[in-house]
């Protein structure tokens, strides 16, 4: 029977096993945050009293169709479209007027 001779070379160094120890205390629960996307209801918020312009297209140079006050509820129809440093969303007001708003001042309505 042939004899096997070990070849010189690197040898594995045993590593200590990691032990997981349960900790006492509250556990975190992950919840999905609602996102602005087509089909989602949003409200105008965070304008600091300045209100939000509903525009004919995605951009500040587009015609202003209406001024939306804080708390106005909208349905997101399309978007986002980038323009003038904002993400613009096409929305519909409760009375059926459609236009575009900058997304920085939209908050999704929780279901």
PDB file of N, CA and C in Angstrom:
ATOM      1  N   UNK A   1       0.849  -1.155   0.000  1.00  0.00           N
ATOM      2  CA  UNK A   1       0.000   0.000   0.000  1.00  0.00           C
ATOM      3  C   UNK A   1       0.903   1.229   0.000  1.00  0.00           C
ATOM      4  N   UNK A   2       0.618   2.235  -0.869  1.00  0.00           N
ATOM      5  CA  UNK A   2       1.463   3.412  -0.917  1.00  0.00           C
ATOM      6  C   UNK A   2       1.262   4.272   0.329  1.00  0.00           C
ATOM      7  N   UNK A   3       2.293   5.006   0.683  1.00  0.00           N
ATOM      8  CA  UNK A   3       2.248   5.895   1.844  1.00  0.00           C
ATOM      9  C   UNK A   3       2.014   7.314   1.356  1.00  0.00           C
ATOM     10  N   UNK A   4       1.066   8.038   1.983  1.00  0.00           N
ATOM     11  CA  UNK A   4       0.788   9.420   1.632  1.00  0.00           C
ATOM     12  C   UNK A   4       1.634  10.322   2.495  1.00  0.00           C
ATOM     13  N   UNK A   5       2.347  11.229   1.872  1.00  0.00           N
ATOM     14  CA  UNK A   5       3.183  12.174   2.591  1.00  0.00           C
ATOM     15  C   UNK A   5       2.549  13.546   2.459  1.00  0.00           C
ATOM     16  N   UNK A   6       2.282  14.226   3.603  1.00  0.00           N
ATOM     17  CA  UNK A   6       1.666  15.551   3.505  1.00  0.00           C
ATOM     18  C   UNK A   6       2.589  16.530   2.800  1.00  0.00           C
ATOM     19  N   UNK A   7       1.999  17.372   1.964  1.00  0.00           N
ATOM     20  CA  UNK A   7       2.750  18.378   1.246  1.00  0.00           C
ATOM     21  C   UNK A   7       2.854  19.625   2.134  1.00  0.00           C
ATOM     22  N   UNK A   8       4.002  20.312   2.108  1.00  0.00           N
ATOM     23  CA  UNK A   8       4.096  21.540   2.889  1.00  0.00           C
ATOM     24  C   UNK A   8       3.183  22.597   2.283  1.00  0.00           C
ATOM     25  N   UNK A   9       2.627  23.427   3.088  1.00  0.00           N
ATOM     26  CA  UNK A   9       1.734  24.483   2.606  1.00  0.00           C
ATOM     27  C   UNK A   9       0.948  25.055   3.766  1.00  0.00           C
ATOM     28  N   UNK A  10       0.026  25.918   3.466  1.00  0.00           N
ATOM     29  CA  UNK A  10      -0.743  26.546   4.540  1.00  0.00           C
ATOM     30  C   UNK A  10      -1.604  25.534   5.266  1.00  0.00           C
ATOM     31  N   UNK A  11      -1.760  25.761   6.522  1.00  0.00           N
ATOM     32  CA  UNK A  11      -2.629  24.903   7.328  1.00  0.00           C
ATOM     33  C   UNK A  11      -3.747  25.762   7.891  1.00  0.00           C
ATOM     34  N   UNK A  12      -4.871  25.170   8.030  1.00  0.00           N
ATOM     35  CA  UNK A  12      -6.018  25.899   8.573  1.00  0.00           C
ATOM     36  C   UNK A  12      -5.836  26.089  10.063  1.00  0.00           C
ATOM     37  N   UNK A  13      -6.124  27.295  10.517  1.00  0.00           N
ATOM     38  CA  UNK A  13      -6.083  27.578  11.941  1.00  0.00           C
ATOM     39  C   UNK A  13      -7.507  27.548  12.445  1.00  0.00           C
ATOM     40  N   UNK A  14      -7.778  26.766  13.457  1.00  0.00           N
ATOM     41  CA  UNK A  14      -9.154  26.704  13.954  1.00  0.00           C
ATOM     42  C   UNK A  14      -9.606  28.075  14.457  1.00  0.00           C
ATOM     43  N   UNK A  15     -10.832  28.436  14.117  1.00  0.00           N
ATOM     44  CA  UNK A  15     -11.427  29.696  14.553  1.00  0.00           C
ATOM     45  C   UNK A  15     -12.498  29.397  15.603  1.00  0.00           C
ATOM     46  N   UNK A  16     -12.597  30.257  16.616  1.00  0.00           N
ATOM     47  CA  UNK A  16     -13.634  30.010  17.608  1.00  0.00           C
ATOM     48  C   UNK A  16     -15.021  30.187  16.991  1.00  0.00           C
ATOM     49  N   UNK A  17     -15.951  29.399  17.438  1.00  0.00           N
ATOM     50  CA  UNK A  17     -17.327  29.503  16.963  1.00  0.00           C
ATOM     51  C   UNK A  17     -17.994  30.705  17.621  1.00  0.00           C
ATOM     52  N   UNK A  18     -18.879  31.351  16.888  1.00  0.00           N
ATOM     53  CA  UNK A  18     -19.618  32.470  17.446  1.00  0.00           C
ATOM     54  C   UNK A  18     -20.854  31.931  18.147  1.00  0.00           C
ATOM     55  N   UNK A  19     -21.067  32.396  19.340  1.00  0.00           N
ATOM     56  CA  UNK A  19     -22.253  31.990  20.080  1.00  0.00           C
ATOM     57  C   UNK A  19     -23.256  33.135  20.060  1.00  0.00           C
ATOM     58  N   UNK A  20     -24.493  32.821  19.758  1.00  0.00           N
ATOM     59  CA  UNK A  20     -25.549  33.815  19.782  1.00  0.00           C
ATOM     60  C   UNK A  20     -26.270  33.712  21.110  1.00  0.00           C
ATOM     61  N   UNK A  21     -26.348  34.821  21.790  1.00  0.00           N
ATOM     62  CA  UNK A  21     -27.009  34.842  23.084  1.00  0.00           C
ATOM     63  C   UNK A  21     -28.256  35.704  22.968  1.00  0.00           C
ATOM     64  N   UNK A  22     -29.424  35.145  23.312  1.00  0.00           N
ATOM     65  CA  UNK A  22     -30.634  35.959  23.243  1.00  0.00           C
ATOM     66  C   UNK A  22     -30.567  37.095  24.253  1.00  0.00           C
ATOM     67  N   UNK A  23     -31.111  38.226  23.895  1.00  0.00           N
ATOM     68  CA  UNK A  23     -31.133  39.357  24.805  1.00  0.00           C
ATOM     69  C   UNK A  23     -32.562  39.618  25.250  1.00  0.00           C
ATOM     70  N   UNK A  24     -32.677  40.126  26.438  1.00  0.00           N
ATOM     71  CA  UNK A  24     -33.998  40.469  26.961  1.00  0.00           C
ATOM     72  C   UNK A  24     -34.369  41.859  26.480  1.00  0.00           C
ATOM     73  N   UNK A  25     -35.629  42.147  26.395  1.00  0.00           N
ATOM     74  CA  UNK A  25     -36.068  43.481  26.024  1.00  0.00           C
ATOM     75  C   UNK A  25     -37.022  43.438  24.858  1.00  0.00           C
ATOM     76  N   UNK A  26     -37.466  44.610  24.450  1.00  0.00           N
ATOM     77  CA  UNK A  26     -38.437  44.657  23.349  1.00  0.00           C
ATOM     78  C   UNK A  26     -37.804  44.214  22.042  1.00  0.00           C
ATOM     79  N   UNK A  27     -38.612  43.661  21.202  1.00  0.00           N
ATOM     80  CA  UNK A  27     -38.146  43.263  19.880  1.00  0.00           C
ATOM     81  C   UNK A  27     -38.669  44.268  18.868  1.00  0.00           C
ATOM     82  N   UNK A  28     -37.871  44.534  17.878  1.00  0.00           N
ATOM     83  CA  UNK A  28     -38.254  45.488  16.846  1.00  0.00           C
ATOM     84  C   UNK A  28     -39.202  44.825  15.863  1.00  0.00           C
ATOM     85  N   UNK A  29     -40.181  45.542  15.440  1.00  0.00           N
ATOM     86  CA  UNK A  29     -41.105  45.059  14.430  1.00  0.00           C
ATOM     87  C   UNK A  29     -40.941  45.938  13.205  1.00  0.00           C
ATOM     88  N   UNK A  30     -40.687  45.316  12.088  1.00  0.00           N
ATOM     89  CA  UNK A  30     -40.551  46.057  10.845  1.00  0.00           C
ATOM     90  C   UNK A  30     -41.930  46.241  10.236  1.00  0.00           C
ATOM     91  N   UNK A  31     -42.235  47.469   9.896  1.00  0.00           N
ATOM     92  CA  UNK A  31     -43.492  47.745   9.222  1.00  0.00           C
ATOM     93  C   UNK A  31     -43.183  48.479   7.931  1.00  0.00           C
ATOM     94  N   UNK A  32     -43.917  48.168   6.917  1.00  0.00           N
ATOM     95  CA  UNK A  32     -43.708  48.815   5.624  1.00  0.00           C
ATOM     96  C   UNK A  32     -44.308  50.213   5.655  1.00  0.00           C
ATOM     97  N   UNK A  33     -43.523  51.181   5.251  1.00  0.00           N
ATOM     98  CA  UNK A  33     -44.019  52.545   5.157  1.00  0.00           C
ATOM     99  C   UNK A  33     -44.732  52.714   3.831  1.00  0.00           C
ATOM    100  N   UNK A  34     -45.863  53.404   3.839  1.00  0.00           N
ATOM    101  CA  UNK A  34     -46.536  53.620   2.561  1.00  0.00           C
ATOM    102  C   UNK A  34     -45.676  54.503   1.660  1.00  0.00           C
ATOM    103  N   UNK A  35     -45.694  54.220   0.391  1.00  0.00           N
ATOM    104  CA  UNK A  35     -44.889  54.962  -0.580  1.00  0.00           C
ATOM    105  C   UNK A  35     -45.791  55.762  -1.502  1.00  0.00           C
ATOM    106  N   UNK A  36     -45.239  56.847  -2.025  1.00  0.00           N
ATOM    107  CA  UNK A  36     -45.944  57.589  -3.065  1.00  0.00           C
ATOM    108  C   UNK A  36     -45.745  56.813  -4.356  1.00  0.00           C
ATOM    109  N   UNK A  37     -46.846  56.432  -4.971  1.00  0.00           N
ATOM    110  CA  UNK A  37     -46.828  55.712  -6.242  1.00  0.00           C
ATOM    111  C   UNK A  37     -48.220  55.802  -6.846  1.00  0.00           C
ATOM    112  N   UNK A  38     -48.342  55.560  -8.142  1.00  0.00           N
ATOM    113  CA  UNK A  38     -49.667  55.618  -8.753  1.00  0.00           C
ATOM    114  C   UNK A  38     -50.667  54.721  -8.020  1.00  0.00           C
ATOM    115  N   UNK A  39     -51.865  55.266  -7.805  1.00  0.00           N
ATOM    116  CA  UNK A  39     -52.920  54.537  -7.113  1.00  0.00           C
ATOM    117  C   UNK A  39     -52.996  54.820  -5.625  1.00  0.00           C
ATOM    118  N   UNK A  40     -52.039  55.560  -5.081  1.00  0.00           N
ATOM    119  CA  UNK A  40     -51.978  55.846  -3.652  1.00  0.00           C
ATOM    120  C   UNK A  40     -52.616  57.205  -3.358  1.00  0.00           C
ATOM    121  N   UNK A  41     -53.350  57.280  -2.257  1.00  0.00           N
ATOM    122  CA  UNK A  41     -53.901  58.548  -1.772  1.00  0.00           C
ATOM    123  C   UNK A  41     -52.821  59.261  -0.969  1.00  0.00           C
ATOM    124  N   UNK A  42     -52.658  60.558  -1.180  1.00  0.00           N
ATOM    125  CA  UNK A  42     -51.679  61.365  -0.461  1.00  0.00           C
ATOM    126  C   UNK A  42     -52.351  62.637   0.034  1.00  0.00           C
ATOM    127  N   UNK A  43     -51.698  63.304   0.983  1.00  0.00           N
ATOM    128  CA  UNK A  43     -52.142  64.627   1.405  1.00  0.00           C
ATOM    129  C   UNK A  43     -50.983  65.596   1.242  1.00  0.00           C
ATOM    130  N   UNK A  44     -51.312  66.856   1.042  1.00  0.00           N
ATOM    131  CA  UNK A  44     -50.313  67.920   0.993  1.00  0.00           C
ATOM    132  C   UNK A  44     -49.886  68.197   2.427  1.00  0.00           C
ATOM    133  N   UNK A  45     -48.580  68.143   2.689  1.00  0.00           N
ATOM    134  CA  UNK A  45     -48.097  68.407   4.050  1.00  0.00           C
ATOM    135  C   UNK A  45     -46.675  68.945   4.023  1.00  0.00           C
ATOM    136  N   UNK A  46     -46.338  69.704   5.068  1.00  0.00           N
ATOM    137  CA  UNK A  46     -44.986  70.218   5.213  1.00  0.00           C
ATOM    138  C   UNK A  46     -44.694  71.474   4.414  1.00  0.00           C
ATOM    139  N   UNK A  47     -45.721  72.173   3.966  1.00  0.00           N
ATOM    140  CA  UNK A  47     -45.500  73.369   3.153  1.00  0.00           C
ATOM    141  C   UNK A  47     -45.160  74.590   3.999  1.00  0.00           C
ATOM    142  N   UNK A  48     -45.318  74.481   5.297  1.00  0.00           N
ATOM    143  CA  UNK A  48     -45.033  75.614   6.166  1.00  0.00           C
ATOM    144  C   UNK A  48     -45.930  76.800   5.876  1.00  0.00           C
ATOM    145  N   UNK A  49     -47.146  76.528   5.459  1.00  0.00           N
ATOM    146  CA  UNK A  49     -48.087  77.597   5.161  1.00  0.00           C
ATOM    147  C   UNK A  49     -47.924  78.197   3.777  1.00  0.00           C
ATOM    148  N   UNK A  50     -46.959  77.732   3.001  1.00  0.00           N
ATOM    149  CA  UNK A  50     -46.720  78.281   1.663  1.00  0.00           C
ATOM    150  C   UNK A  50     -47.655  77.704   0.612  1.00  0.00           C
ATOM    151  N   UNK A  51     -48.294  76.584   0.902  1.00  0.00           N
ATOM    152  CA  UNK A  51     -49.192  75.884  -0.006  1.00  0.00           C
ATOM    153  C   UNK A  51     -48.405  75.244  -1.158  1.00  0.00           C
ATOM    154  N   UNK A  52     -49.095  74.516  -2.002  1.00  0.00           N
ATOM    155  CA  UNK A  52     -48.451  73.755  -3.071  1.00  0.00           C
ATOM    156  C   UNK A  52     -49.146  74.049  -4.396  1.00  0.00           C
ATOM    157  N   UNK A  53     -48.357  74.285  -5.428  1.00  0.00           N
ATOM    158  CA  UNK A  53     -48.923  74.572  -6.751  1.00  0.00           C
ATOM    159  C   UNK A  53     -49.234  73.284  -7.490  1.00  0.00           C
ATOM    160  N   UNK A  54     -50.443  73.217  -8.023  1.00  0.00           N
ATOM    161  CA  UNK A  54     -50.842  72.151  -8.939  1.00  0.00           C
ATOM    162  C   UNK A  54     -50.591  72.713 -10.327  1.00  0.00           C
ATOM    163  N   UNK A  55     -49.727  72.058 -11.094  1.00  0.00           N
ATOM    164  CA  UNK A  55     -49.281  72.606 -12.384  1.00  0.00           C
ATOM    165  C   UNK A  55     -49.732  71.732 -13.555  1.00  0.00           C
ATOM    166  N   UNK A  56     -49.731  72.334 -14.745  1.00  0.00           N
ATOM    167  CA  UNK A  56     -50.164  71.649 -15.957  1.00  0.00           C
ATOM    168  C   UNK A  56     -49.190  70.553 -16.394  1.00  0.00           C
ATOM    169  N   UNK A  57     -47.946  70.631 -15.967  1.00  0.00           N
ATOM    170  CA  UNK A  57     -46.931  69.639 -16.330  1.00  0.00           C
ATOM    171  C   UNK A  57     -45.885  69.573 -15.248  1.00  0.00           C
ATOM    172  N   UNK A  58     -44.950  68.638 -15.371  1.00  0.00           N
ATOM    173  CA  UNK A  58     -43.926  68.441 -14.350  1.00  0.00           C
ATOM    174  C   UNK A  58     -42.791  69.455 -14.427  1.00  0.00           C
ATOM    175  N   UNK A  59     -42.971  70.602 -13.802  1.00  0.00           N
ATOM    176  CA  UNK A  59     -41.931  71.627 -13.774  1.00  0.00           C
ATOM    177  C   UNK A  59     -42.477  72.952 -13.271  1.00  0.00           C
ATOM    178  N   UNK A  60     -41.591  73.759 -12.689  1.00  0.00           N
ATOM    179  CA  UNK A  60     -42.011  75.040 -12.130  1.00  0.00           C
ATOM    180  C   UNK A  60     -42.411  76.054 -13.194  1.00  0.00           C
ATOM    181  N   UNK A  61     -41.993  75.851 -14.426  1.00  0.00           N
ATOM    182  CA  UNK A  61     -42.360  76.788 -15.488  1.00  0.00           C
ATOM    183  C   UNK A  61     -43.720  76.457 -16.099  1.00  0.00           C
ATOM    184  N   UNK A  62     -44.301  75.352 -15.707  1.00  0.00           N
ATOM    185  CA  UNK A  62     -45.614  74.956 -16.228  1.00  0.00           C
ATOM    186  C   UNK A  62     -46.712  75.832 -15.612  1.00  0.00           C
ATOM    187  N   UNK A  63     -47.788  76.018 -16.325  1.00  0.00           N
ATOM    188  CA  UNK A  63     -48.896  76.848 -15.854  1.00  0.00           C
ATOM    189  C   UNK A  63     -49.453  76.325 -14.531  1.00  0.00           C
ATOM    190  N   UNK A  64     -49.723  77.253 -13.621  1.00  0.00           N
ATOM    191  CA  UNK A  64     -50.321  76.899 -12.329  1.00  0.00           C
ATOM    192  C   UNK A  64     -51.831  76.766 -12.526  1.00  0.00           C
ATOM    193  N   UNK A  65     -52.344  75.591 -12.175  1.00  0.00           N
ATOM    194  CA  UNK A  65     -53.771  75.330 -12.317  1.00  0.00           C
ATOM    195  C   UNK A  65     -54.543  75.699 -11.056  1.00  0.00           C
ATOM    196  N   UNK A  66     -53.877  75.540  -9.914  1.00  0.00           N
ATOM    197  CA  UNK A  66     -54.554  75.727  -8.636  1.00  0.00           C
ATOM    198  C   UNK A  66     -53.514  75.772  -7.534  1.00  0.00           C
ATOM    199  N   UNK A  67     -53.886  76.377  -6.405  1.00  0.00           N
ATOM    200  CA  UNK A  67     -53.049  76.358  -5.202  1.00  0.00           C
ATOM    201  C   UNK A  67     -53.691  75.369  -4.233  1.00  0.00           C
ATOM    202  N   UNK A  68     -52.903  74.429  -3.736  1.00  0.00           N
ATOM    203  CA  UNK A  68     -53.408  73.402  -2.819  1.00  0.00           C
ATOM    204  C   UNK A  68     -52.979  73.736  -1.397  1.00  0.00           C
ATOM    205  N   UNK A  69     -53.924  73.706  -0.485  1.00  0.00           N
ATOM    206  CA  UNK A  69     -53.632  74.013   0.909  1.00  0.00           C
ATOM    207  C   UNK A  69     -53.191  72.765   1.662  1.00  0.00           C
ATOM    208  N   UNK A  70     -52.555  72.990   2.786  1.00  0.00           N
ATOM    209  CA  UNK A  70     -52.115  71.908   3.680  1.00  0.00           C
ATOM    210  C   UNK A  70     -53.319  71.002   3.986  1.00  0.00           C
ATOM    211  N   UNK A  71     -53.108  69.686   3.869  1.00  0.00           N
ATOM    212  CA  UNK A  71     -54.164  68.722   4.166  1.00  0.00           C
ATOM    213  C   UNK A  71     -55.009  68.320   2.978  1.00  0.00           C
ATOM    214  N   UNK A  72     -54.818  68.981   1.816  1.00  0.00           N
ATOM    215  CA  UNK A  72     -55.579  68.610   0.619  1.00  0.00           C
ATOM    216  C   UNK A  72     -55.277  67.164   0.263  1.00  0.00           C
ATOM    217  N   UNK A  73     -56.324  66.412   0.012  1.00  0.00           N
ATOM    218  CA  UNK A  73     -56.179  64.996  -0.337  1.00  0.00           C
ATOM    219  C   UNK A  73     -56.139  64.844  -1.855  1.00  0.00           C
ATOM    220  N   UNK A  74     -55.215  64.000  -2.348  1.00  0.00           N
ATOM    221  CA  UNK A  74     -55.009  63.794  -3.780  1.00  0.00           C
ATOM    222  C   UNK A  74     -54.857  62.307  -4.074  1.00  0.00           C
ATOM    223  N   UNK A  75     -55.184  61.916  -5.296  1.00  0.00           N
ATOM    224  CA  UNK A  75     -54.926  60.570  -5.776  1.00  0.00           C
ATOM    225  C   UNK A  75     -53.776  60.650  -6.769  1.00  0.00           C
ATOM    226  N   UNK A  76     -52.726  59.863  -6.551  1.00  0.00           N
ATOM    227  CA  UNK A  76     -51.571  59.840  -7.465  1.00  0.00           C
ATOM    228  C   UNK A  76     -51.938  59.011  -8.692  1.00  0.00           C
ATOM    229  N   UNK A  77     -51.745  59.604  -9.872  1.00  0.00           N
ATOM    230  CA  UNK A  77     -52.087  58.945 -11.133  1.00  0.00           C
ATOM    231  C   UNK A  77     -50.869  58.429 -11.885  1.00  0.00           C
ATOM    232  N   UNK A  78     -49.757  59.174 -11.813  1.00  0.00           N
ATOM    233  CA  UNK A  78     -48.589  58.818 -12.618  1.00  0.00           C
ATOM    234  C   UNK A  78     -47.347  59.473 -12.025  1.00  0.00           C
ATOM    235  N   UNK A  79     -46.193  59.015 -12.477  1.00  0.00           N
ATOM    236  CA  UNK A  79     -44.932  59.608 -12.049  1.00  0.00           C
ATOM    237  C   UNK A  79     -44.052  58.559 -11.417  1.00  0.00           C
ATOM    238  N   UNK A  80     -42.918  58.993 -10.956  1.00  0.00           N
ATOM    239  CA  UNK A  80     -42.453  60.374 -10.921  1.00  0.00           C
ATOM    240  C   UNK A  80     -41.755  60.776 -12.217  1.00  0.00           C
ATOM    241  N   UNK A  81     -41.716  62.076 -12.427  1.00  0.00           N
ATOM    242  CA  UNK A  81     -40.968  62.704 -13.518  1.00  0.00           C
ATOM    243  C   UNK A  81     -40.016  63.700 -12.872  1.00  0.00           C
ATOM    244  N   UNK A  82     -38.753  63.658 -13.256  1.00  0.00           N
ATOM    245  CA  UNK A  82     -37.766  64.577 -12.687  1.00  0.00           C
ATOM    246  C   UNK A  82     -37.818  65.913 -13.421  1.00  0.00           C
ATOM    247  N   UNK A  83     -37.686  66.996 -12.639  1.00  0.00           N
ATOM    248  CA  UNK A  83     -37.645  68.317 -13.244  1.00  0.00           C
ATOM    249  C   UNK A  83     -37.422  69.399 -12.210  1.00  0.00           C
ATOM    250  N   UNK A  84     -36.538  70.324 -12.500  1.00  0.00           N
ATOM    251  CA  UNK A  84     -36.264  71.461 -11.622  1.00  0.00           C
ATOM    252  C   UNK A  84     -35.848  71.045 -10.215  1.00  0.00           C
ATOM    253  N   UNK A  85     -35.188  69.903 -10.098  1.00  0.00           N
ATOM    254  CA  UNK A  85     -34.708  69.440  -8.796  1.00  0.00           C
ATOM    255  C   UNK A  85     -35.751  68.734  -7.948  1.00  0.00           C
ATOM    256  N   UNK A  86     -36.899  68.424  -8.514  1.00  0.00           N
ATOM    257  CA  UNK A  86     -37.973  67.748  -7.783  1.00  0.00           C
ATOM    258  C   UNK A  86     -38.407  66.488  -8.521  1.00  0.00           C
ATOM    259  N   UNK A  87     -39.083  65.607  -7.798  1.00  0.00           N
ATOM    260  CA  UNK A  87     -39.787  64.482  -8.396  1.00  0.00           C
ATOM    261  C   UNK A  87     -41.249  64.915  -8.479  1.00  0.00           C
ATOM    262  N   UNK A  88     -41.795  64.951  -9.679  1.00  0.00           N
ATOM    263  CA  UNK A  88     -43.161  65.420  -9.900  1.00  0.00           C
ATOM    264  C   UNK A  88     -44.100  64.242 -10.067  1.00  0.00           C
ATOM    265  N   UNK A  89     -45.286  64.373  -9.499  1.00  0.00           N
ATOM    266  CA  UNK A  89     -46.313  63.333  -9.568  1.00  0.00           C
ATOM    267  C   UNK A  89     -47.578  63.910 -10.182  1.00  0.00           C
ATOM    268  N   UNK A  90     -48.164  63.159 -11.101  1.00  0.00           N
ATOM    269  CA  UNK A  90     -49.464  63.555 -11.648  1.00  0.00           C
ATOM    270  C   UNK A  90     -50.526  63.103 -10.658  1.00  0.00           C
ATOM    271  N   UNK A  91     -51.415  64.038 -10.294  1.00  0.00           N
ATOM    272  CA  UNK A  91     -52.421  63.756  -9.269  1.00  0.00           C
ATOM    273  C   UNK A  91     -53.798  64.237  -9.727  1.00  0.00           C
ATOM    274  N   UNK A  92     -54.815  63.780  -8.995  1.00  0.00           N
ATOM    275  CA  UNK A  92     -56.188  64.236  -9.218  1.00  0.00           C
ATOM    276  C   UNK A  92     -56.747  64.705  -7.884  1.00  0.00           C
ATOM    277  N   UNK A  93     -57.379  65.879  -7.896  1.00  0.00           N
ATOM    278  CA  UNK A  93     -58.014  66.400  -6.692  1.00  0.00           C
ATOM    279  C   UNK A  93     -59.360  65.697  -6.489  1.00  0.00           C
ATOM    280  N   UNK A  94     -59.955  65.903  -5.317  1.00  0.00           N
ATOM    281  CA  UNK A  94     -61.262  65.301  -5.030  1.00  0.00           C
ATOM    282  C   UNK A  94     -62.340  65.763  -6.001  1.00  0.00           C
ATOM    283  N   UNK A  95     -62.186  66.970  -6.563  1.00  0.00           N
ATOM    284  CA  UNK A  95     -63.196  67.456  -7.507  1.00  0.00           C
ATOM    285  C   UNK A  95     -62.810  67.197  -8.974  1.00  0.00           C
ATOM    286  N   UNK A  96     -61.805  66.333  -9.203  1.00  0.00           N
ATOM    287  CA  UNK A  96     -61.492  65.853 -10.547  1.00  0.00           C
ATOM    288  C   UNK A  96     -60.474  66.632 -11.344  1.00  0.00           C
ATOM    289  N   UNK A  97     -59.852  67.664 -10.773  1.00  0.00           N
ATOM    290  CA  UNK A  97     -58.836  68.426 -11.499  1.00  0.00           C
ATOM    291  C   UNK A  97     -57.524  67.639 -11.469  1.00  0.00           C
ATOM    292  N   UNK A  98     -56.908  67.444 -12.651  1.00  0.00           N
ATOM    293  CA  UNK A  98     -55.651  66.716 -12.746  1.00  0.00           C
ATOM    294  C   UNK A  98     -54.507  67.670 -13.060  1.00  0.00           C
ATOM    295  N   UNK A  99     -53.358  67.399 -12.449  1.00  0.00           N
ATOM    296  CA  UNK A  99     -52.168  68.203 -12.683  1.00  0.00           C
ATOM    297  C   UNK A  99     -50.975  67.560 -12.010  1.00  0.00           C
ATOM    298  N   UNK A 100     -49.866  68.295 -11.951  1.00  0.00           N
ATOM    299  CA  UNK A 100     -48.607  67.784 -11.420  1.00  0.00           C
ATOM    300  C   UNK A 100     -48.178  68.581 -10.191  1.00  0.00           C
ATOM    301  N   UNK A 101     -47.645  67.866  -9.190  1.00  0.00           N
ATOM    302  CA  UNK A 101     -47.141  68.506  -7.971  1.00  0.00           C
ATOM    303  C   UNK A 101     -45.764  67.943  -7.640  1.00  0.00           C
ATOM    304  N   UNK A 102     -44.958  68.759  -6.968  1.00  0.00           N
ATOM    305  CA  UNK A 102     -43.644  68.308  -6.504  1.00  0.00           C
ATOM    306  C   UNK A 102     -43.849  67.374  -5.306  1.00  0.00           C
ATOM    307  N   UNK A 103     -43.193  66.224  -5.347  1.00  0.00           N
ATOM    308  CA  UNK A 103     -43.405  65.184  -4.351  1.00  0.00           C
ATOM    309  C   UNK A 103     -42.860  65.472  -2.964  1.00  0.00           C
ATOM    310  N   UNK A 104     -42.035  66.504  -2.807  1.00  0.00           N
ATOM    311  CA  UNK A 104     -41.473  66.809  -1.491  1.00  0.00           C
ATOM    312  C   UNK A 104     -42.542  67.136  -0.464  1.00  0.00           C
ATOM    313  N   UNK A 105     -43.730  67.506  -0.917  1.00  0.00           N
ATOM    314  CA  UNK A 105     -44.785  67.926   0.004  1.00  0.00           C
ATOM    315  C   UNK A 105     -45.995  66.994  -0.040  1.00  0.00           C
ATOM    316  N   UNK A 106     -45.733  65.719  -0.329  1.00  0.00           N
ATOM    317  CA  UNK A 106     -46.802  64.712  -0.346  1.00  0.00           C
ATOM    318  C   UNK A 106     -46.537  63.673   0.733  1.00  0.00           C
ATOM    319  N   UNK A 107     -47.574  63.346   1.469  1.00  0.00           N
ATOM    320  CA  UNK A 107     -47.475  62.309   2.493  1.00  0.00           C
ATOM    321  C   UNK A 107     -48.534  61.247   2.187  1.00  0.00           C
ATOM    322  N   UNK A 108     -48.119  59.974   2.032  1.00  0.00           N
ATOM    323  CA  UNK A 108     -49.096  58.912   1.761  1.00  0.00           C
ATOM    324  C   UNK A 108     -50.087  58.790   2.922  1.00  0.00           C
ATOM    325  N   UNK A 109     -51.320  58.500   2.572  1.00  0.00           N
ATOM    326  CA  UNK A 109     -52.359  58.274   3.565  1.00  0.00           C
ATOM    327  C   UNK A 109     -52.303  56.800   3.954  1.00  0.00           C
ATOM    328  N   UNK A 110     -52.218  56.547   5.248  1.00  0.00           N
ATOM    329  CA  UNK A 110     -52.168  55.156   5.723  1.00  0.00           C
ATOM    330  C   UNK A 110     -53.515  54.489   5.472  1.00  0.00           C
ATOM    331  N   UNK A 111     -53.477  53.220   5.052  1.00  0.00           N
ATOM    332  CA  UNK A 111     -54.735  52.511   4.774  1.00  0.00           C
ATOM    333  C   UNK A 111     -55.562  52.315   6.016  1.00  0.00           C
TER     334      UNK A 111
END
